Protein backbone atom coordinates (compact mmCIF):
# COMPACT_ATOMS: atom_id res chain seq x y z
CA MET A 1 -3.26 -6.73 3.94
CA SER A 2 -3.23 -5.97 7.67
CA PRO A 3 -3.57 -2.32 8.70
CA PRO A 4 -0.08 -1.06 9.70
CA VAL A 5 -0.10 -0.11 13.40
CA ALA A 6 2.01 2.88 14.43
CA PRO A 7 5.03 2.00 16.59
CA PRO A 8 5.49 3.76 19.95
CA GLY A 9 6.45 7.40 19.48
CA TRP A 10 4.99 7.64 15.94
CA SER A 11 3.93 11.21 15.22
CA ARG A 12 0.30 11.59 14.21
CA TRP A 13 1.39 14.50 11.96
CA LEU A 14 2.87 11.97 9.52
CA VAL A 15 -0.61 10.66 8.71
CA PRO A 16 -2.00 13.76 6.92
CA PRO A 17 0.87 13.77 4.36
CA ALA A 18 0.09 10.13 3.59
CA ALA A 19 -3.53 11.07 2.95
CA LEU A 20 -2.48 14.09 0.90
CA SER A 21 -0.39 11.99 -1.48
CA VAL A 22 -3.50 10.05 -2.46
CA HIS A 23 -5.93 12.96 -2.48
CA LEU A 24 -3.68 15.26 -4.51
CA ALA A 25 -3.50 12.53 -7.16
CA ILE A 26 -7.19 11.65 -7.40
CA GLY A 27 -8.02 15.37 -7.22
CA GLN A 28 -6.97 15.48 -10.88
CA ALA A 29 -10.64 14.81 -11.59
CA TYR A 30 -11.32 18.51 -11.04
CA ALA A 31 -9.06 19.39 -13.98
CA TRP A 32 -11.18 17.40 -16.45
CA SER A 33 -12.51 20.57 -18.08
CA VAL A 34 -9.01 21.23 -19.49
CA PHE A 35 -9.41 18.12 -21.69
CA LYS A 36 -12.96 18.92 -22.83
CA PRO A 37 -12.18 21.34 -25.73
CA SER A 38 -9.48 19.03 -27.13
CA LEU A 39 -11.72 15.95 -26.90
CA GLU A 40 -14.63 17.78 -28.51
CA SER A 41 -12.41 18.91 -31.38
CA ALA A 42 -10.51 15.64 -31.89
CA LEU A 43 -13.47 13.27 -31.57
CA GLY A 44 -16.37 15.50 -32.64
CA LEU A 45 -18.17 15.51 -29.30
CA SER A 46 -20.73 17.87 -27.81
CA GLY A 47 -20.23 19.51 -24.42
CA THR A 48 -22.65 17.04 -22.86
CA GLN A 49 -20.82 14.06 -24.38
CA SER A 50 -17.38 15.25 -23.33
CA ALA A 51 -18.63 15.49 -19.73
CA LEU A 52 -19.50 11.76 -19.61
CA PRO A 53 -16.14 10.45 -18.28
CA PHE A 54 -16.21 13.02 -15.47
CA GLN A 55 -19.87 12.34 -14.68
CA LEU A 56 -19.41 8.57 -14.60
CA GLY A 57 -16.27 9.01 -12.49
CA ILE A 58 -18.22 10.94 -9.86
CA VAL A 59 -21.07 8.41 -9.98
CA MET A 60 -18.61 5.56 -9.41
CA LEU A 61 -16.91 7.59 -6.68
CA GLY A 62 -20.11 7.68 -4.67
CA LEU A 63 -21.10 4.08 -5.39
CA SER A 64 -17.68 2.60 -4.64
CA ALA A 65 -17.44 4.68 -1.47
CA ALA A 66 -20.88 3.47 -0.38
CA PHE A 67 -20.29 -0.21 -1.08
CA GLY A 68 -16.63 -0.17 -0.10
CA GLY A 69 -16.93 1.89 3.07
CA THR A 70 -17.26 -1.10 5.38
CA LEU A 71 -14.37 -2.88 3.62
CA VAL A 72 -12.20 0.18 4.17
CA GLU A 73 -13.13 0.17 7.87
CA ARG A 74 -12.36 -3.55 8.12
CA ASN A 75 -9.16 -3.78 6.03
CA GLY A 76 -7.63 -0.43 6.90
CA PRO A 77 -6.23 2.55 5.00
CA ARG A 78 -3.24 0.80 3.36
CA TRP A 79 -5.52 -1.72 1.63
CA ALA A 80 -7.82 1.09 0.48
CA MET A 81 -4.97 3.24 -0.82
CA THR A 82 -3.54 0.29 -2.75
CA VAL A 83 -6.89 -0.43 -4.41
CA ALA A 84 -7.24 3.28 -5.24
CA LEU A 85 -3.76 3.38 -6.78
CA ILE A 86 -4.43 0.37 -9.02
CA CYS A 87 -7.86 1.52 -10.22
CA PHE A 88 -7.07 5.22 -10.69
CA SER A 89 -3.85 4.64 -12.60
CA SER A 90 -5.34 1.81 -14.68
CA GLY A 91 -8.23 4.09 -15.60
CA PHE A 92 -5.83 6.56 -17.17
CA LEU A 93 -4.02 3.80 -19.07
CA ILE A 94 -7.30 2.48 -20.49
CA ALA A 95 -8.33 6.04 -21.40
CA ALA A 96 -4.98 6.50 -23.16
CA LEU A 97 -5.72 3.43 -25.28
CA GLY A 98 -9.17 4.81 -26.04
CA ALA A 99 -7.78 8.17 -27.17
CA ALA A 100 -5.06 6.53 -29.28
CA THR A 101 -7.62 4.35 -31.09
CA GLU A 102 -10.30 7.09 -31.10
CA GLN A 103 -12.68 4.80 -29.22
CA TYR A 104 -14.46 7.23 -26.93
CA TRP A 105 -16.25 4.47 -25.03
CA LEU A 106 -12.86 3.29 -23.77
CA ILE A 107 -12.15 6.75 -22.40
CA VAL A 108 -15.53 6.74 -20.65
CA PHE A 109 -14.97 3.22 -19.31
CA GLY A 110 -11.36 3.77 -18.27
CA TYR A 111 -11.46 7.25 -16.76
CA GLY A 112 -15.08 7.11 -15.64
CA PHE A 113 -15.76 3.55 -14.50
CA VAL A 114 -12.39 2.06 -13.52
CA GLY A 115 -10.83 5.35 -12.46
CA GLY A 116 -14.02 6.32 -10.65
CA ILE A 117 -13.72 3.26 -8.40
CA GLY A 118 -10.23 4.47 -7.51
CA LEU A 119 -11.65 7.91 -6.77
CA GLY A 120 -14.22 6.55 -4.31
CA ILE A 121 -11.98 4.13 -2.42
CA GLY A 122 -9.12 6.62 -2.36
CA TYR A 123 -11.34 9.44 -1.17
CA ILE A 124 -12.58 7.65 1.95
CA SER A 125 -9.36 5.72 2.60
CA PRO A 126 -7.90 8.10 5.24
CA VAL A 127 -11.04 9.68 6.75
CA SER A 128 -11.78 7.29 9.61
CA THR A 129 -8.07 6.94 10.43
CA LEU A 130 -7.58 10.70 10.61
CA ILE A 131 -10.57 11.16 12.92
CA LYS A 132 -9.14 8.52 15.25
CA TRP A 133 -5.71 10.19 15.22
CA PHE A 134 -7.23 13.64 15.85
CA PRO A 135 -10.28 13.17 18.13
CA ASP A 136 -9.66 16.66 19.49
CA ARG A 137 -9.80 18.42 16.08
CA PRO A 138 -11.78 16.31 13.61
CA GLY A 139 -12.72 19.18 11.30
CA MET A 140 -9.12 20.29 10.89
CA ALA A 141 -7.85 16.72 10.43
CA THR A 142 -10.27 15.75 7.68
CA GLY A 143 -9.86 19.20 6.13
CA ILE A 144 -6.11 18.70 5.75
CA ALA A 145 -6.55 15.46 3.83
CA ILE A 146 -9.59 16.38 1.78
CA MET A 147 -7.86 19.67 0.98
CA GLY A 148 -5.63 17.57 -1.27
CA PHE A 149 -8.56 16.39 -3.36
CA GLY A 150 -9.64 19.97 -3.92
CA GLY A 151 -6.08 21.06 -4.69
CA GLY A 152 -5.32 18.28 -7.15
CA ALA A 153 -6.38 20.40 -10.10
CA LEU A 154 -4.06 23.19 -8.97
CA ILE A 155 -1.26 20.91 -10.13
CA ALA A 156 -3.08 18.93 -12.82
CA SER A 157 -4.70 21.85 -14.67
CA PRO A 158 -1.56 23.73 -15.81
CA TRP A 159 0.31 20.42 -16.15
CA SER A 160 -2.39 18.97 -18.43
CA ALA A 161 -2.62 22.17 -20.47
CA GLN A 162 1.15 22.18 -20.96
CA MET A 163 1.14 18.54 -22.07
CA LEU A 164 -1.64 19.18 -24.59
CA GLU A 165 0.36 22.12 -25.92
CA SER A 166 3.55 20.04 -26.14
CA PHE A 167 2.08 16.73 -27.35
CA GLY A 168 -0.70 18.24 -29.45
CA ALA A 169 -4.45 18.50 -28.91
CA ASP A 170 -5.25 15.67 -31.34
CA SER A 171 -6.14 12.14 -30.29
CA SER A 172 -2.52 10.96 -30.10
CA GLY A 173 -1.52 13.95 -27.96
CA ILE A 174 -4.44 13.34 -25.60
CA ALA A 175 -3.47 9.65 -25.38
CA LEU A 176 0.11 10.51 -24.44
CA ALA A 177 -1.08 12.98 -21.80
CA PHE A 178 -3.34 10.31 -20.26
CA LEU A 179 -0.44 7.82 -20.27
CA VAL A 180 1.88 10.23 -18.44
CA HIS A 181 -0.83 10.97 -15.89
CA GLY A 182 -1.42 7.30 -15.13
CA LEU A 183 2.24 6.41 -14.62
CA THR A 184 3.10 9.52 -12.61
CA TYR A 185 0.15 9.24 -10.25
CA ALA A 186 0.95 5.56 -9.60
CA VAL A 187 4.36 6.54 -8.25
CA PHE A 188 3.00 9.48 -6.25
CA MET A 189 0.21 7.50 -4.59
CA SER A 190 2.70 4.81 -3.57
CA LEU A 191 4.11 7.26 -1.04
CA GLY A 192 0.82 7.27 0.87
CA VAL A 193 0.57 3.49 0.80
CA LEU A 194 4.02 3.18 2.39
CA LEU A 195 3.60 5.97 4.96
CA VAL A 196 0.10 5.49 6.41
CA ARG A 197 -0.36 4.02 9.91
CA VAL A 198 -3.31 3.44 12.24
CA PRO A 199 -3.16 4.40 15.95
CA ARG A 200 -2.45 1.84 18.66
CA GLY A 201 -5.74 1.19 20.48
CA GLU A 202 -8.62 3.65 20.37
CA LYS A 203 -6.62 6.83 20.78
CA PRO A 204 -2.98 7.65 19.97
CA ALA A 205 -0.74 8.41 22.91
CA THR A 206 0.26 11.71 21.33
CA ALA A 207 -3.29 13.05 21.13
CA ALA A 208 -4.32 15.81 23.46
CA ALA A 209 -6.08 14.74 26.62
CA GLY A 210 -9.72 14.22 25.85
CA PRO A 211 -12.40 11.61 25.33
CA SER A 212 -11.63 8.31 23.69
CA SER A 213 -12.60 8.00 20.05
CA LEU A 214 -15.43 5.66 21.08
CA ASP A 215 -16.87 7.79 23.90
CA GLY A 216 -20.24 9.52 23.56
CA VAL A 217 -23.01 8.82 21.03
CA GLN A 218 -22.23 5.92 18.68
CA VAL A 219 -24.42 4.80 15.80
CA SER A 220 -23.69 1.96 13.37
CA ALA A 221 -23.76 2.49 9.61
CA ARG A 222 -26.77 0.19 9.40
CA ASN A 223 -28.75 2.31 11.86
CA ALA A 224 -27.47 5.65 10.54
CA VAL A 225 -29.14 5.23 7.15
CA ARG A 226 -32.47 4.74 8.96
CA THR A 227 -32.34 8.18 10.58
CA PRO A 228 -33.79 11.41 9.16
CA GLN A 229 -30.50 13.13 10.06
CA PHE A 230 -28.62 11.01 7.52
CA TRP A 231 -31.03 11.88 4.73
CA CYS A 232 -31.10 15.57 5.63
CA LEU A 233 -27.31 15.59 5.35
CA TRP A 234 -27.61 13.65 2.09
CA VAL A 235 -29.75 16.45 0.65
CA VAL A 236 -27.41 19.12 2.07
CA LEU A 237 -24.36 17.53 0.48
CA CYS A 238 -26.10 16.82 -2.82
CA MET A 239 -27.34 20.39 -3.24
CA ASN A 240 -24.02 21.97 -2.25
CA VAL A 241 -22.05 19.68 -4.57
CA THR A 242 -24.44 20.15 -7.50
CA ALA A 243 -24.04 23.92 -7.25
CA GLY A 244 -20.26 23.78 -7.11
CA ILE A 245 -19.66 21.04 -9.65
CA GLY A 246 -21.84 22.83 -12.19
CA ILE A 247 -19.17 25.51 -12.46
CA LEU A 248 -16.16 23.28 -11.91
CA GLU A 249 -16.83 20.71 -14.63
CA LYS A 250 -17.26 23.40 -17.33
CA ALA A 251 -14.98 26.06 -15.85
CA ALA A 252 -12.58 26.55 -18.78
CA PRO A 253 -15.21 26.88 -21.56
CA MET A 254 -17.56 28.79 -19.24
CA ILE A 255 -15.25 31.72 -18.57
CA THR A 256 -14.32 31.77 -22.26
CA ASP A 257 -18.01 31.99 -23.25
CA PHE A 258 -18.83 34.63 -20.64
CA PHE A 259 -16.32 37.12 -22.03
CA ALA A 260 -16.09 36.03 -25.69
CA ASP A 261 -17.99 39.11 -26.89
CA THR A 262 -16.14 41.62 -24.72
CA SER A 263 -13.01 43.67 -25.34
CA THR A 264 -11.06 41.33 -23.04
CA PRO A 265 -11.69 37.76 -24.23
CA VAL A 266 -10.20 34.87 -22.26
CA SER A 267 -7.50 32.76 -23.95
CA ALA A 268 -7.15 28.99 -23.53
CA SER A 269 -4.14 29.39 -21.26
CA ALA A 270 -5.96 31.98 -19.13
CA ALA A 271 -8.96 29.63 -18.90
CA ALA A 272 -6.65 26.88 -17.63
CA GLY A 273 -5.34 29.39 -15.10
CA PHE A 274 -8.90 30.05 -13.99
CA VAL A 275 -9.37 26.32 -13.40
CA ALA A 276 -6.22 26.35 -11.28
CA LEU A 277 -7.56 29.32 -9.28
CA LEU A 278 -10.80 27.46 -8.65
CA SER A 279 -8.76 24.50 -7.46
CA ALA A 280 -6.87 26.76 -5.06
CA ALA A 281 -10.16 28.11 -3.68
CA ASN A 282 -11.54 24.58 -3.43
CA MET A 283 -8.41 23.51 -1.54
CA ALA A 284 -8.30 26.55 0.75
CA GLY A 285 -11.99 26.16 1.58
CA ARG A 286 -11.46 22.57 2.66
CA ILE A 287 -8.96 23.42 5.35
CA GLY A 288 -10.14 26.96 6.16
CA TRP A 289 -13.88 26.43 6.44
CA SER A 290 -13.62 22.97 8.03
CA SER A 291 -11.30 24.35 10.71
CA THR A 292 -13.75 27.21 11.24
CA SER A 293 -16.49 24.64 11.79
CA ASP A 294 -14.58 23.38 14.86
CA LEU A 295 -15.15 26.87 16.32
CA ILE A 296 -18.66 27.85 15.20
CA GLY A 297 -20.31 24.44 14.69
CA ARG A 298 -21.24 22.36 11.66
CA LYS A 299 -24.80 23.61 11.21
CA ASN A 300 -23.68 27.25 11.25
CA ILE A 301 -20.95 26.68 8.69
CA TYR A 302 -23.40 24.97 6.33
CA ARG A 303 -25.69 27.96 6.69
CA VAL A 304 -22.81 29.99 5.27
CA TYR A 305 -22.09 27.51 2.46
CA LEU A 306 -25.68 27.33 1.28
CA GLY A 307 -27.02 30.83 2.04
CA VAL A 308 -24.05 32.91 0.91
CA GLY A 309 -23.50 30.49 -1.99
CA ALA A 310 -26.98 31.32 -3.33
CA VAL A 311 -26.11 35.04 -3.17
CA MET A 312 -22.87 34.45 -5.11
CA TYR A 313 -24.74 32.59 -7.85
CA ALA A 314 -27.26 35.43 -8.09
CA LEU A 315 -24.46 37.97 -8.54
CA ILE A 316 -22.90 35.92 -11.35
CA ALA A 317 -26.25 35.39 -13.07
CA TRP A 318 -27.15 39.07 -13.10
CA PHE A 319 -23.84 40.95 -13.17
CA GLY A 320 -21.11 38.40 -13.96
CA ASP A 321 -20.67 39.26 -17.65
CA SER A 322 -20.17 42.96 -16.87
CA SER A 323 -17.18 42.48 -14.58
CA LYS A 324 -14.48 39.84 -14.91
CA PRO A 325 -13.21 40.41 -11.32
CA LEU A 326 -16.77 39.96 -9.97
CA PHE A 327 -17.25 36.75 -11.96
CA ILE A 328 -13.94 35.31 -10.76
CA LEU A 329 -14.46 36.38 -7.13
CA CYS A 330 -17.96 34.88 -6.91
CA ALA A 331 -16.80 31.65 -8.55
CA LEU A 332 -13.91 31.40 -6.11
CA VAL A 333 -16.23 31.86 -3.12
CA ILE A 334 -18.65 29.22 -4.46
CA LEU A 335 -15.79 26.75 -4.95
CA SER A 336 -14.43 27.45 -1.47
CA PHE A 337 -17.88 26.56 -0.07
CA TYR A 338 -18.00 23.50 -2.31
CA GLY A 339 -14.66 22.29 -0.94
CA GLY A 340 -15.53 23.27 2.61
CA GLY A 341 -18.73 21.24 2.42
CA PHE A 342 -16.80 18.09 1.55
CA ALA A 343 -14.23 18.60 4.29
CA THR A 344 -16.79 19.42 6.98
CA ILE A 345 -19.21 16.56 6.33
CA PRO A 346 -17.09 13.84 8.03
CA ALA A 347 -16.92 15.96 11.21
CA TYR A 348 -20.69 16.63 10.97
CA LEU A 349 -21.23 12.86 10.76
CA LYS A 350 -18.89 12.32 13.71
CA ASP A 351 -20.88 14.84 15.78
CA LEU A 352 -24.18 13.12 15.00
CA PHE A 353 -23.22 9.44 14.78
CA GLY A 354 -19.89 9.11 16.63
CA THR A 355 -16.70 7.53 15.30
CA PHE A 356 -17.89 3.92 15.25
CA GLN A 357 -18.13 3.08 11.51
CA VAL A 358 -17.93 6.77 10.58
CA GLY A 359 -15.97 5.79 7.47
CA ALA A 360 -18.74 3.46 6.35
CA ILE A 361 -21.41 6.10 7.07
CA HIS A 362 -19.36 8.66 5.14
CA GLY A 363 -19.10 6.25 2.22
CA ARG A 364 -22.87 5.77 2.11
CA LEU A 365 -23.45 9.52 2.26
CA LEU A 366 -21.20 10.02 -0.77
CA THR A 367 -23.95 8.58 -2.96
CA ALA A 368 -25.17 12.18 -2.78
CA TRP A 369 -21.99 13.10 -4.66
CA SER A 370 -22.84 10.50 -7.31
CA THR A 371 -26.21 12.13 -7.82
CA ALA A 372 -24.72 15.61 -7.87
CA GLY A 373 -22.02 14.46 -10.30
CA VAL A 374 -24.76 13.74 -12.81
CA LEU A 375 -27.06 16.66 -11.97
CA GLY A 376 -24.55 19.50 -11.95
CA PRO A 377 -22.82 18.88 -15.31
CA LEU A 378 -26.10 17.75 -16.91
CA ILE A 379 -27.94 20.94 -15.92
CA VAL A 380 -25.16 23.26 -17.09
CA ASN A 381 -24.12 21.38 -20.25
CA TRP A 382 -27.60 20.39 -21.45
CA ILE A 383 -29.01 23.90 -21.03
CA ALA A 384 -25.92 25.46 -22.65
CA ASP A 385 -26.21 23.09 -25.64
CA ARG A 386 -29.90 23.88 -26.06
CA GLN A 387 -29.30 27.63 -25.80
CA GLU A 388 -26.53 27.42 -28.38
CA GLU A 389 -28.84 25.53 -30.75
CA ALA A 390 -31.33 28.38 -30.29
CA GLY A 391 -28.72 30.86 -31.50
CA LYS A 392 -27.68 32.29 -28.15
CA HIS A 393 -24.11 32.82 -27.05
CA GLY A 394 -21.95 34.27 -24.31
CA SER A 395 -23.32 34.50 -20.77
CA SER A 396 -26.88 33.83 -21.98
CA LEU A 397 -25.91 30.16 -22.31
CA TYR A 398 -25.80 29.85 -18.51
CA GLY A 399 -28.44 32.18 -17.03
CA THR A 400 -31.15 29.53 -16.63
CA SER A 401 -28.85 26.94 -15.12
CA PHE A 402 -27.55 29.46 -12.57
CA LEU A 403 -31.09 30.23 -11.42
CA ILE A 404 -31.68 26.49 -10.96
CA MET A 405 -28.54 26.30 -8.80
CA ILE A 406 -29.89 29.07 -6.56
CA GLY A 407 -33.07 27.05 -6.02
CA LEU A 408 -31.09 23.92 -5.17
CA LEU A 409 -29.00 25.79 -2.59
CA VAL A 410 -32.18 27.03 -0.93
CA VAL A 411 -33.43 23.42 -0.71
CA GLY A 412 -30.13 22.44 0.94
CA PHE A 413 -30.40 25.32 3.39
CA VAL A 414 -33.83 24.11 4.53
CA ALA A 415 -32.56 20.52 4.91
CA ASN A 416 -29.70 21.71 7.12
CA GLU A 417 -32.16 23.53 9.36
CA LEU A 418 -34.03 20.26 9.91
CA VAL A 419 -30.99 18.41 11.34
CA ARG A 420 -31.45 17.46 15.02
CA PRO A 421 -29.53 15.14 17.40
CA VAL A 422 -30.00 11.43 16.69
CA HIS A 423 -32.67 9.72 18.80
CA ALA A 424 -31.36 7.40 21.52
CA ARG A 425 -33.07 4.35 19.99
CA HIS A 426 -30.45 4.38 17.22
CA HIS A 427 -27.47 4.49 19.62
CA ILE A 428 -25.19 1.55 20.33
CA PRO A 429 -25.42 0.71 24.09
CA ALA A 430 -22.43 2.06 25.99
CA GLN A 431 -21.46 -1.36 27.38
CA ARG A 432 -21.78 -3.22 24.08
CA GLU A 433 -19.61 -6.35 24.17
CA ALA A 434 -16.78 -6.63 21.63
CA THR A 435 -18.42 -9.64 20.00
CA ASP A 436 -21.63 -7.67 19.45
CA VAL A 437 -19.69 -4.86 17.81
CA GLU A 438 -17.97 -7.32 15.47
CA ARG A 439 -21.32 -8.88 14.56
CA GLU A 440 -22.81 -5.47 13.74
CA GLN A 441 -19.83 -4.68 11.52
CA SER A 442 -20.45 -7.90 9.60
CA GLU A 443 -24.17 -7.18 9.26
CA SER A 444 -23.51 -3.69 7.87
CA ALA A 445 -21.09 -4.98 5.23
């Protein structure tokens, strides 16, 4: 499948909507917590067990992005979006079969493994293309697209809750909800496949006057993973994602637990609304904070994500159960930083390594997300399960895990401070012949 080249006069502003159609669909992953109580009740699962499809999905996201990054660069965004559509939708259909037959391993395999491959390929599918269309505003461009992934749950959370209410929260109702998701998202993602285009040459004619997308420092994916800068950013992303995903994966039951013993308990519908609010903050942070990074710089914006994020976690840990507005506000800020971190990292990579193979470098860096996808839910769910077994309840289920998150954010803050410009020995020579570039692409595959 050849990458579709934009015809003369094609507006670069048509590319972000194409990316959004894919990212809004795969962003459903952030609404997984809406299904957790129903799955636990229908199939007799613990909180840790019900997190497995989500955890495996995030693991596969990072792995498929890492191994498929070079293929995405080589085959183009339409190929990547098509693969994402097939895998993500098929994952839901397999999960529907698993729920209907009460075979939980099929739900884990379908949603987590097969759907997770769709998550990874779909997530990186537009990134390199957007940076090439918008060399003048890379933070804003990637923020627009990746905003969709953060905002997917804004649609999926109330939609899923309504389906479970209409179809029933038993195994057959869950199966029907999964089936509707798979078919609907297949149609929606098709819009992106049909609309996406790549620019003619290195820079679109409509872009503002400025340097070509291949000017300046350029580092191949193969060389990038050998630099300390790559691994510092790996730690930064992993710590920021672990802190955010720890709340996001268990959002609905978490807010219910926090205020279960108060005079204003949180209902299931209100908990689903909280998930939708978190999605809105996640989405807003992706475009807002990434655009801000174009003004104040990537290192400075990550100082905000990690430093202020640690303060927000401390406020929740010590005062969150005494004030519902404080709990919600701090959670929203944390999720805005979580989303902003995802949207800013491609521009950070572009600043350090250039645009040559930035999609492949981005894919390799997303293995940090795989690690965080296991760490975050495991820390929160495992500690909560152990505390519940010890007879504790309410906010005391989460105090220890929140303190761990503060420590992880501090580690990420230090790693960000260690980032320096990439040494010249890793750069691609400015006059590299086209054949050499092609050979390096093949070697990094």
